[in-house]
C-alpha atoms as a PDB file:
ATOM      1  CA  MET A   1      84.785  93.925 162.495  1.00  0.00           C
ATOM      2  CA  GLY A   2      84.531  90.138 162.266  1.00  0.00           C
ATOM      3  CA  VAL A   3      81.638  88.011 161.136  1.00  0.00           C
ATOM      4  CA  LYS A   4      79.299  86.862 163.905  1.00  0.00           C
ATOM      5  CA  VAL A   5      77.890  83.369 163.413  1.00  0.00           C
ATOM      6  CA  GLY A   6      74.922  81.920 165.267  1.00  0.00           C
ATOM      7  CA  THR A   7      72.614  78.951 164.925  1.00  0.00           C
ATOM      8  CA  VAL A   8      69.108  77.818 165.801  1.00  0.00           C
ATOM      9  CA  GLY A   9      68.904  75.539 168.818  1.00  0.00           C
ATOM     10  CA  PRO A  10      66.756  72.410 168.974  1.00  0.00           C
ATOM     11  CA  ILE A  11      63.110  73.434 169.295  1.00  0.00           C
ATOM     12  CA  ASN A  12      61.332  70.108 168.853  1.00  0.00           C
ATOM     13  CA  PRO A  13      62.253  67.821 171.742  1.00  0.00           C
ATOM     14  CA  SER A  14      60.510  64.834 170.156  1.00  0.00           C
ATOM     15  CA  LEU A  15      63.350  64.622 167.615  1.00  0.00           C
ATOM     16  CA  PHE A  16      65.980  64.005 170.312  1.00  0.00           C
ATOM     17  CA  ARG A  17      66.955  61.409 172.909  1.00  0.00           C
ATOM     18  CA  LYS A  18      64.308  60.131 175.264  1.00  0.00           C
ATOM     19  CA  ASP A  19      64.551  58.599 178.732  1.00  0.00           C
ATOM     20  CA  GLU A  20      63.051  55.251 179.738  1.00  0.00           C
ATOM     21  CA  GLN A  21      59.598  56.869 180.174  1.00  0.00           C
ATOM     22  CA  GLY A  22      59.724  58.363 176.672  1.00  0.00           C
ATOM     23  CA  ARG A  23      60.330  61.930 177.895  1.00  0.00           C
ATOM     24  CA  CYS A  24      62.743  64.141 176.009  1.00  0.00           C
ATOM     25  CA  GLN A  25      66.136  64.831 177.517  1.00  0.00           C
ATOM     26  CA  VAL A  26      66.455  68.527 178.360  1.00  0.00           C
ATOM     27  CA  ASP A  27      70.252  68.246 178.399  1.00  0.00           C
ATOM     28  CA  THR A  28      70.085  68.519 174.607  1.00  0.00           C
ATOM     29  CA  VAL A  29      69.490  72.273 175.035  1.00  0.00           C
ATOM     30  CA  TRP A  30      72.631  72.934 177.040  1.00  0.00           C
ATOM     31  CA  ARG A  31      74.776  70.430 175.131  1.00  0.00           C
ATOM     32  CA  VAL A  32      74.029  72.286 171.878  1.00  0.00           C
ATOM     33  CA  ALA A  33      74.701  75.682 173.502  1.00  0.00           C
ATOM     34  CA  LYS A  34      77.942  74.437 175.084  1.00  0.00           C
ATOM     35  CA  SER A  35      79.092  72.946 171.773  1.00  0.00           C
ATOM     36  CA  CYS A  36      78.369  76.234 169.979  1.00  0.00           C
ATOM     37  CA  GLU A  37      80.259  78.151 172.639  1.00  0.00           C
ATOM     38  CA  GLU A  38      83.278  75.835 172.286  1.00  0.00           C
ATOM     39  CA  LYS A  39      83.223  76.458 168.522  1.00  0.00           C
ATOM     40  CA  ASN A  40      83.137  80.248 169.113  1.00  0.00           C
ATOM     41  CA  TYR A  41      79.625  80.777 167.794  1.00  0.00           C
ATOM     42  CA  HIS A  42      78.239  84.200 168.660  1.00  0.00           C
ATOM     43  CA  SER A  43      74.694  83.119 169.529  1.00  0.00           C
ATOM     44  CA  VAL A  44      72.048  80.404 169.691  1.00  0.00           C
ATOM     45  CA  TRP A  45      68.438  81.255 168.845  1.00  0.00           C
ATOM     46  CA  TYR A  46      65.157  79.554 169.679  1.00  0.00           C
ATOM     47  CA  ALA A  47      61.941  79.973 167.728  1.00  0.00           C
ATOM     48  CA  ASP A  48      58.480  80.118 169.250  1.00  0.00           C
ATOM     49  CA  HIS A  49      55.877  77.660 167.946  1.00  0.00           C
ATOM     50  CA  LEU A  50      52.278  77.851 169.046  1.00  0.00           C
ATOM     51  CA  MET A  51      51.414  74.653 167.230  1.00  0.00           C
ATOM     52  CA  GLY A  52      53.418  72.090 165.395  1.00  0.00           C
ATOM     53  CA  TRP A  53      53.440  69.498 162.692  1.00  0.00           C
ATOM     54  CA  PHE A  54      54.994  66.762 164.807  1.00  0.00           C
ATOM     55  CA  PRO A  55      52.797  64.884 167.271  1.00  0.00           C
ATOM     56  CA  PRO A  56      52.372  65.471 170.164  1.00  0.00           C
ATOM     57  CA  HIS A  57      53.153  69.112 169.377  1.00  0.00           C
ATOM     58  CA  ASP A  58      55.606  69.585 172.193  1.00  0.00           C
ATOM     59  CA  PHE A  59      58.147  72.342 171.651  1.00  0.00           C
ATOM     60  CA  TYR A  60      60.624  73.948 173.997  1.00  0.00           C
ATOM     61  CA  ASP A  61      59.522  77.353 175.231  1.00  0.00           C
ATOM     62  CA  PRO A  62      62.154  79.701 173.761  1.00  0.00           C
ATOM     63  CA  LEU A  63      62.608  81.874 176.862  1.00  0.00           C
ATOM     64  CA  VAL A  64      62.975  78.863 179.147  1.00  0.00           C
ATOM     65  CA  ALA A  65      65.367  77.145 176.718  1.00  0.00           C
ATOM     66  CA  LEU A  66      67.497  80.297 176.395  1.00  0.00           C
ATOM     67  CA  ALA A  67      67.585  80.805 180.166  1.00  0.00           C
ATOM     68  CA  PHE A  68      68.602  77.180 180.675  1.00  0.00           C
ATOM     69  CA  ALA A  69      71.311  77.406 178.000  1.00  0.00           C
ATOM     70  CA  ALA A  70      72.596  80.677 179.500  1.00  0.00           C
ATOM     71  CA  SER A  71      72.822  79.089 182.945  1.00  0.00           C
ATOM     72  CA  ARG A  72      75.206  76.443 181.590  1.00  0.00           C
ATOM     73  CA  THR A  73      77.450  78.601 179.386  1.00  0.00           C
ATOM     74  CA  GLU A  74      79.754  81.594 179.837  1.00  0.00           C
ATOM     75  CA  ARG A  75      79.141  83.671 176.670  1.00  0.00           C
ATOM     76  CA  ILE A  76      76.039  82.303 174.992  1.00  0.00           C
END
């Protein structure tokens, strides 16, 4: 049995690219998942945060992020 490696996906969109209106780019979610899939990672995880330390406290919903990542990948 081989080792299964996974990683945590981006949960705080305010740390990533923004469009001209200052909104976070959702493509970060699927780009990370696709990159992990290409590197043969076993899984990508998302944490749930009810409040945060970074203003304005916007975090990706983990179920929505996972569903979006799954829609753009084959294995993950």
